[in-house]
């Protein structure tokens, strides 16, 4: 399965069109702790999480992961 990459502009276009999106913050623990900004409403699933809580993600939403 190929996972497409989206530019920030494409994400904004999808939001403007009303597409339901779920943002997943996939930064490492260190990067997350050092971050000065977080995306409000995003879900935190760190790399290597043994059993990520994917059931918490909204059904029918396109999942967009981001990291640094």
N, C-alpha and C. Protein backbone atom coordinates (compact mmCIF):
# COMPACT_ATOMS: atom_id res chain seq x y z
N UNK A 1 0.85 -1.17 0.00
CA UNK A 1 0.00 0.00 0.00
C UNK A 1 0.90 1.24 0.00
N UNK A 2 0.61 2.14 -0.91
CA UNK A 2 1.35 3.39 -0.95
C UNK A 2 0.56 4.46 -0.20
N UNK A 3 1.24 5.17 0.66
CA UNK A 3 0.61 6.21 1.45
C UNK A 3 0.99 7.56 0.84
N UNK A 4 0.01 8.34 0.40
CA UNK A 4 0.33 9.61 -0.24
C UNK A 4 0.83 10.64 0.76
N UNK A 5 1.68 11.53 0.27
CA UNK A 5 2.15 12.66 1.07
C UNK A 5 1.36 13.89 0.64
N UNK A 6 1.01 14.70 1.61
CA UNK A 6 0.28 15.93 1.33
C UNK A 6 1.12 17.13 1.73
N UNK A 7 1.02 18.18 0.96
CA UNK A 7 1.66 19.43 1.33
C UNK A 7 0.74 20.17 2.29
N UNK A 8 1.27 21.13 3.03
CA UNK A 8 0.39 21.93 3.90
C UNK A 8 -0.74 22.60 3.11
N UNK A 9 -0.46 23.04 1.90
CA UNK A 9 -1.49 23.66 1.07
C UNK A 9 -2.61 22.67 0.76
N UNK A 10 -2.25 21.43 0.45
CA UNK A 10 -3.26 20.41 0.17
C UNK A 10 -4.11 20.11 1.40
N UNK A 11 -3.49 20.11 2.56
CA UNK A 11 -4.25 19.87 3.80
C UNK A 11 -5.26 21.00 4.01
N UNK A 12 -4.82 22.24 3.82
CA UNK A 12 -5.72 23.39 3.98
C UNK A 12 -6.87 23.31 2.97
N UNK A 13 -6.58 22.91 1.75
CA UNK A 13 -7.63 22.77 0.74
C UNK A 13 -8.67 21.74 1.17
N UNK A 14 -8.21 20.63 1.72
CA UNK A 14 -9.14 19.59 2.19
C UNK A 14 -9.98 20.10 3.36
N UNK A 15 -9.35 20.84 4.26
CA UNK A 15 -10.10 21.42 5.38
C UNK A 15 -11.14 22.41 4.87
N UNK A 16 -10.74 23.24 3.90
CA UNK A 16 -11.66 24.23 3.34
C UNK A 16 -12.86 23.56 2.65
N UNK A 17 -12.64 22.37 2.11
CA UNK A 17 -13.72 21.63 1.43
C UNK A 17 -14.60 20.87 2.42
N UNK A 18 -14.24 20.93 3.71
CA UNK A 18 -15.05 20.28 4.73
C UNK A 18 -14.74 18.81 4.92
N UNK A 19 -13.63 18.34 4.36
CA UNK A 19 -13.28 16.92 4.52
C UNK A 19 -12.92 16.66 5.99
N UNK A 20 -13.47 15.61 6.59
CA UNK A 20 -13.10 15.30 7.97
C UNK A 20 -11.67 14.76 8.03
N UNK A 21 -10.84 15.42 8.83
CA UNK A 21 -9.44 15.03 8.97
C UNK A 21 -9.14 14.76 10.44
N UNK A 22 -8.30 13.77 10.69
CA UNK A 22 -7.81 13.48 12.04
C UNK A 22 -6.29 13.57 11.99
N UNK A 23 -5.72 14.44 12.80
CA UNK A 23 -4.28 14.64 12.80
C UNK A 23 -3.64 13.82 13.92
N UNK A 24 -2.60 13.07 13.56
CA UNK A 24 -1.88 12.24 14.52
C UNK A 24 -0.46 12.78 14.65
N UNK A 25 -0.11 13.18 15.86
CA UNK A 25 1.24 13.66 16.17
C UNK A 25 2.12 12.45 16.41
N UNK A 26 3.02 12.17 15.48
CA UNK A 26 3.87 10.98 15.57
C UNK A 26 5.32 11.34 15.88
N UNK A 27 5.52 12.44 16.57
CA UNK A 27 6.88 12.84 16.92
C UNK A 27 7.44 11.92 18.01
N UNK A 28 8.74 11.79 18.02
CA UNK A 28 9.39 11.02 19.08
C UNK A 28 9.12 11.71 20.41
N UNK A 29 9.29 10.96 21.48
CA UNK A 29 9.04 11.52 22.82
C UNK A 29 9.90 12.76 23.04
N UNK A 30 11.15 12.69 22.66
CA UNK A 30 12.07 13.83 22.84
C UNK A 30 11.60 15.05 22.04
N UNK A 31 11.26 14.83 20.77
CA UNK A 31 10.81 15.94 19.93
C UNK A 31 9.51 16.54 20.47
N UNK A 32 8.63 15.69 20.96
CA UNK A 32 7.35 16.16 21.50
C UNK A 32 7.58 17.01 22.74
N UNK A 33 8.47 16.57 23.62
CA UNK A 33 8.75 17.31 24.85
C UNK A 33 9.42 18.64 24.57
N UNK A 34 10.23 18.71 23.52
CA UNK A 34 10.95 19.95 23.20
C UNK A 34 10.14 20.91 22.34
N UNK A 35 9.01 20.46 21.85
CA UNK A 35 8.20 21.28 20.95
C UNK A 35 7.61 22.48 21.69
N UNK A 36 7.56 23.58 20.99
CA UNK A 36 6.93 24.78 21.56
C UNK A 36 5.50 24.93 21.06
N UNK A 37 5.14 24.14 20.07
CA UNK A 37 3.79 24.22 19.52
C UNK A 37 3.22 22.82 19.32
N UNK A 38 1.91 22.74 19.46
CA UNK A 38 1.19 21.50 19.19
C UNK A 38 -0.06 21.84 18.40
N UNK A 39 -0.49 20.93 17.57
CA UNK A 39 -1.69 21.14 16.78
C UNK A 39 -2.90 20.82 17.66
N UNK A 40 -3.73 21.82 17.95
CA UNK A 40 -4.90 21.57 18.81
C UNK A 40 -5.80 20.49 18.22
N UNK A 41 -6.25 19.60 19.08
CA UNK A 41 -7.16 18.54 18.65
C UNK A 41 -6.48 17.33 18.03
N UNK A 42 -5.15 17.37 17.95
CA UNK A 42 -4.45 16.23 17.36
C UNK A 42 -4.39 15.08 18.36
N UNK A 43 -4.18 13.90 17.83
CA UNK A 43 -4.05 12.69 18.64
C UNK A 43 -2.57 12.37 18.76
N UNK A 44 -2.13 12.00 19.91
CA UNK A 44 -0.72 11.68 20.15
C UNK A 44 -0.53 10.18 20.09
N UNK A 45 0.24 9.72 19.10
CA UNK A 45 0.62 8.30 19.01
C UNK A 45 2.12 8.29 18.71
N UNK A 46 2.90 8.04 19.74
CA UNK A 46 4.35 8.07 19.60
C UNK A 46 4.85 6.84 18.84
N UNK A 47 5.95 6.99 18.11
CA UNK A 47 6.52 5.83 17.43
C UNK A 47 6.84 4.72 18.43
N UNK A 48 6.59 3.50 18.04
CA UNK A 48 6.88 2.36 18.90
C UNK A 48 5.83 2.09 19.96
N UNK A 49 4.73 2.82 19.93
CA UNK A 49 3.65 2.56 20.88
C UNK A 49 3.16 1.13 20.68
N UNK A 50 3.22 0.30 21.73
CA UNK A 50 2.87 -1.11 21.54
C UNK A 50 1.47 -1.34 20.98
N UNK A 51 0.49 -0.67 21.51
CA UNK A 51 -0.88 -0.82 21.03
C UNK A 51 -1.52 0.56 20.94
N UNK A 52 -1.28 1.26 19.82
CA UNK A 52 -1.86 2.60 19.71
C UNK A 52 -3.38 2.55 19.77
N UNK A 53 -3.98 3.57 20.34
CA UNK A 53 -5.43 3.62 20.51
C UNK A 53 -6.08 4.17 19.24
N UNK A 54 -6.03 3.40 18.17
CA UNK A 54 -6.61 3.85 16.91
C UNK A 54 -8.13 3.95 16.99
N UNK A 55 -8.73 3.28 17.95
CA UNK A 55 -10.18 3.38 18.11
C UNK A 55 -10.60 4.78 18.55
N UNK A 56 -9.64 5.58 19.06
CA UNK A 56 -9.94 6.95 19.47
C UNK A 56 -10.09 7.88 18.27
N UNK A 57 -9.57 7.47 17.11
CA UNK A 57 -9.65 8.30 15.92
C UNK A 57 -11.07 8.31 15.38
N UNK A 58 -11.52 9.45 14.88
CA UNK A 58 -12.89 9.50 14.36
C UNK A 58 -13.07 8.63 13.12
N UNK A 59 -14.13 7.88 13.10
CA UNK A 59 -14.43 7.02 11.95
C UNK A 59 -14.80 7.89 10.75
N UNK A 60 -14.32 7.48 9.59
CA UNK A 60 -14.64 8.19 8.36
C UNK A 60 -13.73 9.37 8.07
N UNK A 61 -12.81 9.67 8.97
CA UNK A 61 -11.90 10.80 8.76
C UNK A 61 -10.62 10.30 8.09
N UNK A 62 -10.07 11.14 7.25
CA UNK A 62 -8.76 10.87 6.67
C UNK A 62 -7.73 11.13 7.76
N UNK A 63 -6.84 10.18 8.00
CA UNK A 63 -5.83 10.32 9.04
C UNK A 63 -4.57 10.93 8.43
N UNK A 64 -4.11 12.01 9.04
CA UNK A 64 -2.90 12.68 8.60
C UNK A 64 -1.91 12.64 9.74
N UNK A 65 -0.77 12.00 9.50
CA UNK A 65 0.28 11.95 10.52
C UNK A 65 1.29 13.04 10.24
N UNK A 66 1.88 13.55 11.31
CA UNK A 66 2.94 14.53 11.13
C UNK A 66 3.99 14.33 12.22
N UNK A 67 5.21 14.72 11.89
CA UNK A 67 6.32 14.64 12.84
C UNK A 67 7.37 15.65 12.40
N UNK A 68 8.47 15.68 13.14
CA UNK A 68 9.56 16.59 12.78
C UNK A 68 10.77 15.79 12.38
